[in-house]
C-alpha cells in the first residue's frame, strides 16, 4: 500500500531523529525547519524541503510538529505561512511538542475549523530514543484519528498509548517532565553536598543510585554530572520551559505545584549561569561555582 505523505516541522535534538525514522521507513516526507541549512541536509536522504509550513503541508495527509514551545508551535500552524492555511481537508495533525494544555485546546479548535483532526502526541524518551525509533507517544484525541496516524507513529516509536481526549497527552507529558525536573534539581543539590562535604563521590553516588533514590533518570544524570559531559540530550532551557508550563497548569487546577516551582528556580539559575543550551544535567554547575 502507498504510504501517506507526511509533513514534518522541527529538526532539533528530537525532530531530526524522528524525521529520519520516517524517511527510513519509506514515507514520502516534506520537511520544514526555521534554519534552512539544517533542512537541506535531509534532501540527500530523500526528503522534500518546504519553503514554509504552508508549502510543506500542501499535499500532506499527516503533519507532525516537534518544536520548542507554544510560540514556535503557533508559528508553524497559524498565520499566512502556517500549515493550516494549506493543509488538505481530513488530514491528521500531530503536535508532538511539549506544550501547554491551553494552547493544545486552542489548536484543536483551529484544526476542526479546517476540517482536520488534531492529536496531541508528545513523547517520552530523548535523543537516543528518537534516533532509534524507541519513543513512547502519549496521545490525546480521537481514536479514529489515531488509527489514521498509527503507521507514521509506529515508525518512530516502541509504544503508542492513547491516554484520553484532546489535551490528555500534553497534560501527562507535563506531569512526566515535572517529575523529571524535580529529580534533576534535587540531584544537582545532592551532588554539590557530596562534593563540598568531602565525601568519596564515587562511593556516595554508588550508594544513592543503587538504593531507593536510584531512578533510571538519576542514574543517567549522575553519570553525566560526574563526567561533566553536557552534550545535549535534552536542553536545560527546555526543562525550565516545561516546569513553567507544569506549574501554570497546576494553578489552573487550583494545585500549588510547590516542588515544581522550586525546581524551576534551580533551572532558571542554571540558565543565568550560561547553561541554557547544554544538557539538563549541567544544572549542577551553578553549585560548583559557589
C-alpha atoms as a PDB file:
ATOM      1  CA  UNK A   1       0.000   0.000   0.000  1.00  0.00           C
ATOM      2  CA  UNK A   2       1.117   3.564  -0.694  1.00  0.00           C
ATOM      3  CA  UNK A   3       2.277   5.239   2.466  1.00  0.00           C
ATOM      4  CA  UNK A   4       0.704   8.578   3.396  1.00  0.00           C
ATOM      5  CA  UNK A   5       2.589  11.771   2.652  1.00  0.00           C
ATOM      6  CA  UNK A   6       3.955  13.319   5.855  1.00  0.00           C
ATOM      7  CA  UNK A   7       4.927  16.921   6.505  1.00  0.00           C
ATOM      8  CA  UNK A   8       7.400  17.301   9.389  1.00  0.00           C
ATOM      9  CA  UNK A   9       8.249  20.526  11.232  1.00  0.00           C
ATOM     10  CA  UNK A  10      11.269  20.943  13.505  1.00  0.00           C
ATOM     11  CA  UNK A  11      14.703  19.344  13.174  1.00  0.00           C
ATOM     12  CA  UNK A  12      16.087  19.882  16.645  1.00  0.00           C
ATOM     13  CA  UNK A  13      17.509  17.311  19.055  1.00  0.00           C
ATOM     14  CA  UNK A  14      14.370  15.168  18.825  1.00  0.00           C
ATOM     15  CA  UNK A  15      12.916  16.091  15.450  1.00  0.00           C
ATOM     16  CA  UNK A  16      15.992  15.131  13.446  1.00  0.00           C
ATOM     17  CA  UNK A  17      15.858  11.548  14.655  1.00  0.00           C
ATOM     18  CA  UNK A  18      12.096  11.323  14.206  1.00  0.00           C
ATOM     19  CA  UNK A  19      12.207  12.642  10.643  1.00  0.00           C
ATOM     20  CA  UNK A  20      14.948  10.165   9.741  1.00  0.00           C
ATOM     21  CA  UNK A  21      12.848   7.292  11.079  1.00  0.00           C
ATOM     22  CA  UNK A  22      10.001   8.294   8.770  1.00  0.00           C
ATOM     23  CA  UNK A  23      12.333   8.571   5.789  1.00  0.00           C
ATOM     24  CA  UNK A  24      13.939   5.244   6.615  1.00  0.00           C
ATOM     25  CA  UNK A  25      10.520   3.591   6.779  1.00  0.00           C
ATOM     26  CA  UNK A  26       9.750   4.749   3.242  1.00  0.00           C
ATOM     27  CA  UNK A  27       7.304   7.558   3.938  1.00  0.00           C
ATOM     28  CA  UNK A  28       7.301  10.467   1.487  1.00  0.00           C
ATOM     29  CA  UNK A  29       8.303  13.352   3.755  1.00  0.00           C
ATOM     30  CA  UNK A  30       8.321  17.100   3.226  1.00  0.00           C
ATOM     31  CA  UNK A  31      10.343  18.948   5.848  1.00  0.00           C
ATOM     32  CA  UNK A  32      10.292  22.500   7.115  1.00  0.00           C
ATOM     33  CA  UNK A  33      12.766  23.884   9.615  1.00  0.00           C
ATOM     34  CA  UNK A  34      13.268  27.509  10.532  1.00  0.00           C
ATOM     35  CA  UNK A  35      17.033  27.093   9.982  1.00  0.00           C
ATOM     36  CA  UNK A  36      17.039  26.191   6.314  1.00  0.00           C
ATOM     37  CA  UNK A  37      20.602  24.829   6.293  1.00  0.00           C
ATOM     38  CA  UNK A  38      19.623  22.075   8.716  1.00  0.00           C
ATOM     39  CA  UNK A  39      16.699  21.078   6.491  1.00  0.00           C
ATOM     40  CA  UNK A  40      18.859  20.936   3.378  1.00  0.00           C
ATOM     41  CA  UNK A  41      20.945  18.144   4.888  1.00  0.00           C
ATOM     42  CA  UNK A  42      17.851  15.908   4.724  1.00  0.00           C
ATOM     43  CA  UNK A  43      17.417  16.362   0.974  1.00  0.00           C
ATOM     44  CA  UNK A  44      20.187  13.836   0.361  1.00  0.00           C
ATOM     45  CA  UNK A  45      18.190  11.357   2.441  1.00  0.00           C
ATOM     46  CA  UNK A  46      15.123  11.702   0.245  1.00  0.00           C
ATOM     47  CA  UNK A  47      13.208  14.499   1.941  1.00  0.00           C
ATOM     48  CA  UNK A  48      11.437  17.271   0.054  1.00  0.00           C
ATOM     49  CA  UNK A  49      12.250  20.682   1.526  1.00  0.00           C
ATOM     50  CA  UNK A  50       9.345  23.053   2.100  1.00  0.00           C
ATOM     51  CA  UNK A  51       9.824  26.800   1.908  1.00  0.00           C
ATOM     52  CA  UNK A  52       7.352  27.358   4.753  1.00  0.00           C
ATOM     53  CA  UNK A  53       4.928  25.319   6.876  1.00  0.00           C
ATOM     54  CA  UNK A  54       2.224  26.279   4.371  1.00  0.00           C
ATOM     55  CA  UNK A  55       4.289  24.980   1.481  1.00  0.00           C
ATOM     56  CA  UNK A  56       5.277  21.774   3.285  1.00  0.00           C
ATOM     57  CA  UNK A  57       1.702  20.892   4.270  1.00  0.00           C
ATOM     58  CA  UNK A  58       0.031  21.314   0.847  1.00  0.00           C
ATOM     59  CA  UNK A  59      -0.114  17.601  -0.014  1.00  0.00           C
ATOM     60  CA  UNK A  60       0.257  16.111   3.447  1.00  0.00           C
ATOM     61  CA  UNK A  61      -2.119  13.508   4.830  1.00  0.00           C
ATOM     62  CA  UNK A  62      -0.278  13.615   8.166  1.00  0.00           C
ATOM     63  CA  UNK A  63       1.504  16.644   9.614  1.00  0.00           C
ATOM     64  CA  UNK A  64       3.911  16.274  12.556  1.00  0.00           C
ATOM     65  CA  UNK A  65       5.309  19.154  14.582  1.00  0.00           C
ATOM     66  CA  UNK A  66       8.220  18.838  17.031  1.00  0.00           C
ATOM     67  CA  UNK A  67       9.244  22.320  18.148  1.00  0.00           C
ATOM     68  CA  UNK A  68      10.353  24.106  21.296  1.00  0.00           C
ATOM     69  CA  UNK A  69       7.338  25.815  22.820  1.00  0.00           C
ATOM     70  CA  UNK A  70       3.866  27.336  22.379  1.00  0.00           C
ATOM     71  CA  UNK A  71       5.150  30.279  20.358  1.00  0.00           C
ATOM     72  CA  UNK A  72       7.079  28.060  17.949  1.00  0.00           C
ATOM     73  CA  UNK A  73       4.067  25.773  17.550  1.00  0.00           C
ATOM     74  CA  UNK A  74       1.794  28.719  16.883  1.00  0.00           C
ATOM     75  CA  UNK A  75       4.110  29.936  14.137  1.00  0.00           C
ATOM     76  CA  UNK A  76       4.066  26.505  12.464  1.00  0.00           C
ATOM     77  CA  UNK A  77       0.286  26.181  12.339  1.00  0.00           C
ATOM     78  CA  UNK A  78      -1.240  29.663  12.153  1.00  0.00           C
ATOM     79  CA  UNK A  79      -0.876  32.767  10.009  1.00  0.00           C
ATOM     80  CA  UNK A  80      -0.481  33.258   6.260  1.00  0.00           C
ATOM     81  CA  UNK A  81       2.514  30.881   6.142  1.00  0.00           C
ATOM     82  CA  UNK A  82       1.112  28.414   8.672  1.00  0.00           C
ATOM     83  CA  UNK A  83       0.231  24.840   7.823  1.00  0.00           C
ATOM     84  CA  UNK A  84      -3.480  25.322   8.498  1.00  0.00           C
ATOM     85  CA  UNK A  85      -3.706  27.724   5.569  1.00  0.00           C
ATOM     86  CA  UNK A  86      -2.971  24.934   3.078  1.00  0.00           C
ATOM     87  CA  UNK A  87      -3.354  21.505   4.678  1.00  0.00           C
ATOM     88  CA  UNK A  88      -5.835  19.230   2.821  1.00  0.00           C
ATOM     89  CA  UNK A  89      -9.223  18.504   4.348  1.00  0.00           C
ATOM     90  CA  UNK A  90      -9.237  15.405   6.513  1.00  0.00           C
ATOM     91  CA  UNK A  91      -5.530  15.484   7.326  1.00  0.00           C
ATOM     92  CA  UNK A  92      -4.398  14.330  10.760  1.00  0.00           C
ATOM     93  CA  UNK A  93      -2.292  16.880  12.599  1.00  0.00           C
ATOM     94  CA  UNK A  94       0.115  15.566  15.231  1.00  0.00           C
ATOM     95  CA  UNK A  95       1.587  18.005  17.716  1.00  0.00           C
ATOM     96  CA  UNK A  96       4.419  16.142  19.454  1.00  0.00           C
ATOM     97  CA  UNK A  97       5.997  19.149  21.147  1.00  0.00           C
ATOM     98  CA  UNK A  98       5.739  19.599  24.915  1.00  0.00           C
ATOM     99  CA  UNK A  99       3.230  22.446  25.129  1.00  0.00           C
ATOM    100  CA  UNK A 100       0.657  23.997  27.417  1.00  0.00           C
ATOM    101  CA  UNK A 101      -2.729  22.308  27.576  1.00  0.00           C
ATOM    102  CA  UNK A 102      -4.420  25.640  26.908  1.00  0.00           C
ATOM    103  CA  UNK A 103      -2.600  26.074  23.586  1.00  0.00           C
ATOM    104  CA  UNK A 104      -3.358  22.486  22.551  1.00  0.00           C
ATOM    105  CA  UNK A 105      -7.057  23.072  23.054  1.00  0.00           C
ATOM    106  CA  UNK A 106      -6.929  26.268  21.004  1.00  0.00           C
ATOM    107  CA  UNK A 107      -5.032  24.472  18.258  1.00  0.00           C
ATOM    108  CA  UNK A 108      -7.566  21.639  18.249  1.00  0.00           C
ATOM    109  CA  UNK A 109     -10.372  24.143  17.678  1.00  0.00           C
ATOM    110  CA  UNK A 110      -8.437  25.758  14.833  1.00  0.00           C
ATOM    111  CA  UNK A 111      -7.812  22.336  13.274  1.00  0.00           C
ATOM    112  CA  UNK A 112     -11.513  21.487  13.488  1.00  0.00           C
ATOM    113  CA  UNK A 113     -12.379  24.717  11.688  1.00  0.00           C
ATOM    114  CA  UNK A 114     -10.211  23.451   8.806  1.00  0.00           C
ATOM    115  CA  UNK A 115     -11.898  20.016   8.855  1.00  0.00           C
ATOM    116  CA  UNK A 116      -8.787  18.340  10.260  1.00  0.00           C
ATOM    117  CA  UNK A 117      -8.218  16.288  13.401  1.00  0.00           C
ATOM    118  CA  UNK A 118      -5.545  17.144  15.952  1.00  0.00           C
ATOM    119  CA  UNK A 119      -3.705  14.612  18.080  1.00  0.00           C
ATOM    120  CA  UNK A 120      -1.595  15.962  20.905  1.00  0.00           C
ATOM    121  CA  UNK A 121       1.100  13.294  20.998  1.00  0.00           C
ATOM    122  CA  UNK A 122       4.169  14.322  22.986  1.00  0.00           C
ATOM    123  CA  UNK A 123       6.808  11.688  23.631  1.00  0.00           C
ATOM    124  CA  UNK A 124       8.844  10.172  26.407  1.00  0.00           C
ATOM    125  CA  UNK A 125      12.481   9.481  25.606  1.00  0.00           C
ATOM    126  CA  UNK A 126      15.275  11.745  24.430  1.00  0.00           C
ATOM    127  CA  UNK A 127      17.806  11.977  21.613  1.00  0.00           C
ATOM    128  CA  UNK A 128      18.930   8.298  21.526  1.00  0.00           C
ATOM    129  CA  UNK A 129      15.346   7.014  21.585  1.00  0.00           C
ATOM    130  CA  UNK A 130      14.310   9.397  18.816  1.00  0.00           C
ATOM    131  CA  UNK A 131      17.172   8.198  16.615  1.00  0.00           C
ATOM    132  CA  UNK A 132      16.407   4.531  17.321  1.00  0.00           C
ATOM    133  CA  UNK A 133      12.643   4.755  16.870  1.00  0.00           C
ATOM    134  CA  UNK A 134      12.047   3.866  20.519  1.00  0.00           C
ATOM    135  CA  UNK A 135       9.925   6.799  21.667  1.00  0.00           C
ATOM    136  CA  UNK A 136       6.673   6.378  23.541  1.00  0.00           C
ATOM    137  CA  UNK A 137       3.852   8.577  22.226  1.00  0.00           C
ATOM    138  CA  UNK A 138       1.301   9.836  24.768  1.00  0.00           C
ATOM    139  CA  UNK A 139      -1.704  10.528  22.583  1.00  0.00           C
ATOM    140  CA  UNK A 140      -4.719  12.709  23.279  1.00  0.00           C
ATOM    141  CA  UNK A 141      -7.550  12.973  20.763  1.00  0.00           C
ATOM    142  CA  UNK A 142      -9.990  10.800  18.858  1.00  0.00           C
ATOM    143  CA  UNK A 143      -9.299   7.095  18.418  1.00  0.00           C
ATOM    144  CA  UNK A 144     -10.233   7.278  14.731  1.00  0.00           C
ATOM    145  CA  UNK A 145      -7.604   9.929  14.059  1.00  0.00           C
ATOM    146  CA  UNK A 146      -5.034   7.882  15.932  1.00  0.00           C
ATOM    147  CA  UNK A 147      -5.672   4.874  13.698  1.00  0.00           C
ATOM    148  CA  UNK A 148      -5.063   7.012  10.600  1.00  0.00           C
ATOM    149  CA  UNK A 149      -1.814   8.288  12.073  1.00  0.00           C
ATOM    150  CA  UNK A 150      -0.663   4.987  13.573  1.00  0.00           C
ATOM    151  CA  UNK A 151       1.584   3.863  10.670  1.00  0.00           C
ATOM    152  CA  UNK A 152       3.644   7.042  10.907  1.00  0.00           C
ATOM    153  CA  UNK A 153       3.778   6.939  14.701  1.00  0.00           C
ATOM    154  CA  UNK A 154       4.863   3.294  14.642  1.00  0.00           C
ATOM    155  CA  UNK A 155       7.878   4.189  12.510  1.00  0.00           C
ATOM    156  CA  UNK A 156       9.095   6.475  15.299  1.00  0.00           C
ATOM    157  CA  UNK A 157       8.175   4.543  18.421  1.00  0.00           C
ATOM    158  CA  UNK A 158       8.261   1.468  20.609  1.00  0.00           C
ATOM    159  CA  UNK A 159       4.853   2.289  22.129  1.00  0.00           C
ATOM    160  CA  UNK A 160       1.769   4.366  21.355  1.00  0.00           C
ATOM    161  CA  UNK A 161      -0.544   4.970  24.313  1.00  0.00           C
ATOM    162  CA  UNK A 162      -3.949   6.587  23.845  1.00  0.00           C
ATOM    163  CA  UNK A 163      -4.375   8.385  27.167  1.00  0.00           C
ATOM    164  CA  UNK A 164      -7.666  10.197  26.583  1.00  0.00           C
ATOM    165  CA  UNK A 165      -9.338  13.136  24.831  1.00  0.00           C
ATOM    166  CA  UNK A 166      -7.636  16.207  23.421  1.00  0.00           C
ATOM    167  CA  UNK A 167      -5.167  17.694  25.906  1.00  0.00           C
ATOM    168  CA  UNK A 168      -4.602  14.447  27.805  1.00  0.00           C
ATOM    169  CA  UNK A 169      -1.289  13.696  26.145  1.00  0.00           C
ATOM    170  CA  UNK A 170       0.033  17.174  26.827  1.00  0.00           C
ATOM    171  CA  UNK A 171      -1.094  17.118  30.457  1.00  0.00           C
ATOM    172  CA  UNK A 172       0.540  13.746  31.121  1.00  0.00           C
ATOM    173  CA  UNK A 173       3.761  14.875  29.424  1.00  0.00           C
ATOM    174  CA  UNK A 174       3.921  17.984  31.620  1.00  0.00           C
ATOM    175  CA  UNK A 175       3.448  15.815  34.698  1.00  0.00           C
ATOM    176  CA  UNK A 176       6.164  13.461  33.447  1.00  0.00           C
ATOM    177  CA  UNK A 177       8.644  16.276  32.858  1.00  0.00           C
ATOM    178  CA  UNK A 178       7.746  17.989  36.126  1.00  0.00           C
ATOM    179  CA  UNK A 179       8.728  14.814  37.978  1.00  0.00           C
ATOM    180  CA  UNK A 180      11.937  14.564  35.938  1.00  0.00           C
ATOM    181  CA  UNK A 181      12.818  18.202  36.585  1.00  0.00           C
ATOM    182  CA  UNK A 182      12.342  17.849  40.335  1.00  0.00           C
ATOM    183  CA  UNK A 183      14.612  14.786  40.366  1.00  0.00           C
ATOM    184  CA  UNK A 184      17.269  16.555  38.316  1.00  0.00           C
ATOM    185  CA  UNK A 185      17.251  19.653  40.530  1.00  0.00           C
ATOM    186  CA  UNK A 186      17.450  17.605  43.713  1.00  0.00           C
ATOM    187  CA  UNK A 187      20.310  15.534  42.290  1.00  0.00           C
ATOM    188  CA  UNK A 188      22.247  18.696  41.430  1.00  0.00           C
ATOM    189  CA  UNK A 189      21.917  19.900  45.013  1.00  0.00           C
ATOM    190  CA  UNK A 190      22.807  16.458  46.373  1.00  0.00           C
ATOM    191  CA  UNK A 191      25.886  16.264  44.151  1.00  0.00           C
ATOM    192  CA  UNK A 192      27.037  19.639  45.454  1.00  0.00           C
ATOM    193  CA  UNK A 193      26.569  18.463  49.038  1.00  0.00           C
ATOM    194  CA  UNK A 194      28.611  15.325  48.310  1.00  0.00           C
ATOM    195  CA  UNK A 195      31.449  17.255  46.680  1.00  0.00           C
ATOM    196  CA  UNK A 196      31.586  20.144  49.141  1.00  0.00           C
ATOM    197  CA  UNK A 197      31.117  17.793  52.084  1.00  0.00           C
ATOM    198  CA  UNK A 198      34.331  15.970  51.292  1.00  0.00           C
ATOM    199  CA  UNK A 199      32.722  12.567  50.702  1.00  0.00           C
ATOM    200  CA  UNK A 200      34.152   9.998  48.334  1.00  0.00           C
ATOM    201  CA  UNK A 201      31.994  10.936  45.362  1.00  0.00           C
ATOM    202  CA  UNK A 202      32.165   7.590  43.589  1.00  0.00           C
ATOM    203  CA  UNK A 203      31.118   5.672  46.688  1.00  0.00           C
ATOM    204  CA  UNK A 204      28.397   8.157  47.628  1.00  0.00           C
ATOM    205  CA  UNK A 205      26.866   8.168  44.146  1.00  0.00           C
ATOM    206  CA  UNK A 206      27.020   4.373  44.003  1.00  0.00           C
ATOM    207  CA  UNK A 207      25.043   4.198  47.261  1.00  0.00           C
ATOM    208  CA  UNK A 208      22.427   6.679  46.058  1.00  0.00           C
ATOM    209  CA  UNK A 209      21.969   5.287  42.557  1.00  0.00           C
ATOM    210  CA  UNK A 210      21.864   1.722  43.801  1.00  0.00           C
ATOM    211  CA  UNK A 211      19.358   2.454  46.559  1.00  0.00           C
ATOM    212  CA  UNK A 212      15.863   3.874  46.867  1.00  0.00           C
ATOM    213  CA  UNK A 213      16.662   7.228  45.166  1.00  0.00           C
ATOM    214  CA  UNK A 214      18.214   5.497  42.166  1.00  0.00           C
ATOM    215  CA  UNK A 215      15.661   6.002  39.401  1.00  0.00           C
ATOM    216  CA  UNK A 216      16.792   5.471  35.787  1.00  0.00           C
ATOM    217  CA  UNK A 217      16.928   9.242  35.356  1.00  0.00           C
ATOM    218  CA  UNK A 218      19.027   9.754  38.486  1.00  0.00           C
ATOM    219  CA  UNK A 219      21.491   7.089  37.362  1.00  0.00           C
ATOM    220  CA  UNK A 220      21.813   8.633  33.912  1.00  0.00           C
ATOM    221  CA  UNK A 221      22.193  12.223  35.090  1.00  0.00           C
ATOM    222  CA  UNK A 222      24.612  11.314  37.878  1.00  0.00           C
ATOM    223  CA  UNK A 223      26.985   9.837  35.308  1.00  0.00           C
ATOM    224  CA  UNK A 224      26.818  12.950  33.156  1.00  0.00           C
ATOM    225  CA  UNK A 225      27.320  15.261  36.134  1.00  0.00           C
ATOM    226  CA  UNK A 226      30.402  13.362  37.316  1.00  0.00           C
ATOM    227  CA  UNK A 227      31.875  13.236  33.799  1.00  0.00           C
ATOM    228  CA  UNK A 228      30.869  16.830  33.115  1.00  0.00           C
ATOM    229  CA  UNK A 229      29.603  15.630  29.750  1.00  0.00           C
ATOM    230  CA  UNK A 230      26.819  18.019  28.841  1.00  0.00           C
ATOM    231  CA  UNK A 231      26.360  17.010  25.220  1.00  0.00           C
ATOM    232  CA  UNK A 232      22.668  17.843  24.716  1.00  0.00           C
ATOM    233  CA  UNK A 233      20.169  15.018  25.000  1.00  0.00           C
ATOM    234  CA  UNK A 234      17.533  17.362  26.439  1.00  0.00           C
ATOM    235  CA  UNK A 235      18.293  21.069  26.653  1.00  0.00           C
ATOM    236  CA  UNK A 236      18.356  22.698  30.072  1.00  0.00           C
ATOM    237  CA  UNK A 237      16.265  25.637  28.895  1.00  0.00           C
ATOM    238  CA  UNK A 238      13.549  23.305  27.625  1.00  0.00           C
ATOM    239  CA  UNK A 239      13.280  21.655  31.027  1.00  0.00           C
ATOM    240  CA  UNK A 240      12.813  25.114  32.532  1.00  0.00           C
ATOM    241  CA  UNK A 241      10.078  25.790  29.987  1.00  0.00           C
ATOM    242  CA  UNK A 242       8.319  22.514  30.774  1.00  0.00           C
ATOM    243  CA  UNK A 243       8.459  23.177  34.503  1.00  0.00           C
ATOM    244  CA  UNK A 244       6.952  26.627  33.953  1.00  0.00           C
ATOM    245  CA  UNK A 245       4.096  25.118  31.924  1.00  0.00           C
ATOM    246  CA  UNK A 246       3.525  22.445  34.590  1.00  0.00           C
ATOM    247  CA  UNK A 247       3.424  24.980  37.424  1.00  0.00           C
ATOM    248  CA  UNK A 248       0.964  27.130  35.444  1.00  0.00           C
ATOM    249  CA  UNK A 249      -1.205  24.109  34.670  1.00  0.00           C
ATOM    250  CA  UNK A 250      -1.303  23.286  38.363  1.00  0.00           C
ATOM    251  CA  UNK A 251      -2.537  26.796  39.123  1.00  0.00           C
ATOM    252  CA  UNK A 252      -5.266  26.348  36.506  1.00  0.00           C
ATOM    253  CA  UNK A 253      -6.440  23.372  38.539  1.00  0.00           C
ATOM    254  CA  UNK A 254      -6.027  25.046  41.960  1.00  0.00           C
ATOM    255  CA  UNK A 255      -2.910  22.967  42.735  1.00  0.00           C
ATOM    256  CA  UNK A 256       0.183  24.626  44.150  1.00  0.00           C
ATOM    257  CA  UNK A 257       2.963  22.683  42.421  1.00  0.00           C
ATOM    258  CA  UNK A 258       5.489  23.815  45.017  1.00  0.00           C
ATOM    259  CA  UNK A 259       8.212  21.275  44.259  1.00  0.00           C
ATOM    260  CA  UNK A 260       7.934  22.113  40.561  1.00  0.00           C
ATOM    261  CA  UNK A 261       8.268  25.800  41.356  1.00  0.00           C
ATOM    262  CA  UNK A 262      11.374  25.055  43.414  1.00  0.00           C
ATOM    263  CA  UNK A 263      12.898  23.036  40.580  1.00  0.00           C
ATOM    264  CA  UNK A 264      12.051  25.821  38.138  1.00  0.00           C
ATOM    265  CA  UNK A 265      14.015  28.247  40.312  1.00  0.00           C
ATOM    266  CA  UNK A 266      17.033  25.920  40.166  1.00  0.00           C
ATOM    267  CA  UNK A 267      16.805  25.602  36.374  1.00  0.00           C
ATOM    268  CA  UNK A 268      16.312  29.349  35.917  1.00  0.00           C
ATOM    269  CA  UNK A 269      19.538  29.853  37.867  1.00  0.00           C
ATOM    270  CA  UNK A 270      21.201  27.317  35.563  1.00  0.00           C
ATOM    271  CA  UNK A 271      20.155  29.405  32.567  1.00  0.00           C
ATOM    272  CA  UNK A 272      21.566  32.518  34.228  1.00  0.00           C
ATOM    273  CA  UNK A 273      24.781  30.556  34.764  1.00  0.00           C
ATOM    274  CA  UNK A 274      25.096  30.207  30.981  1.00  0.00           C
ATOM    275  CA  UNK A 275      23.983  26.585  30.625  1.00  0.00           C
ATOM    276  CA  UNK A 276      20.734  27.094  28.693  1.00  0.00           C
ATOM    277  CA  UNK A 277      21.804  25.215  25.572  1.00  0.00           C
ATOM    278  CA  UNK A 278      23.643  22.399  27.321  1.00  0.00           C
ATOM    279  CA  UNK A 279      22.178  19.137  28.579  1.00  0.00           C
ATOM    280  CA  UNK A 280      19.863  19.488  31.564  1.00  0.00           C
ATOM    281  CA  UNK A 281      22.473  17.731  33.735  1.00  0.00           C
ATOM    282  CA  UNK A 282      24.554  20.931  33.509  1.00  0.00           C
ATOM    283  CA  UNK A 283      22.190  22.371  36.125  1.00  0.00           C
ATOM    284  CA  UNK A 284      24.739  21.145  38.709  1.00  0.00           C
ATOM    285  CA  UNK A 285      27.429  23.571  37.571  1.00  0.00           C
ATOM    286  CA  UNK A 286      25.870  26.587  39.276  1.00  0.00           C
ATOM    287  CA  UNK A 287      26.525  24.917  42.645  1.00  0.00           C
ATOM    288  CA  UNK A 288      30.112  24.009  41.788  1.00  0.00           C
ATOM    289  CA  UNK A 289      30.808  27.662  41.032  1.00  0.00           C
ATOM    290  CA  UNK A 290      29.883  28.799  44.547  1.00  0.00           C
END
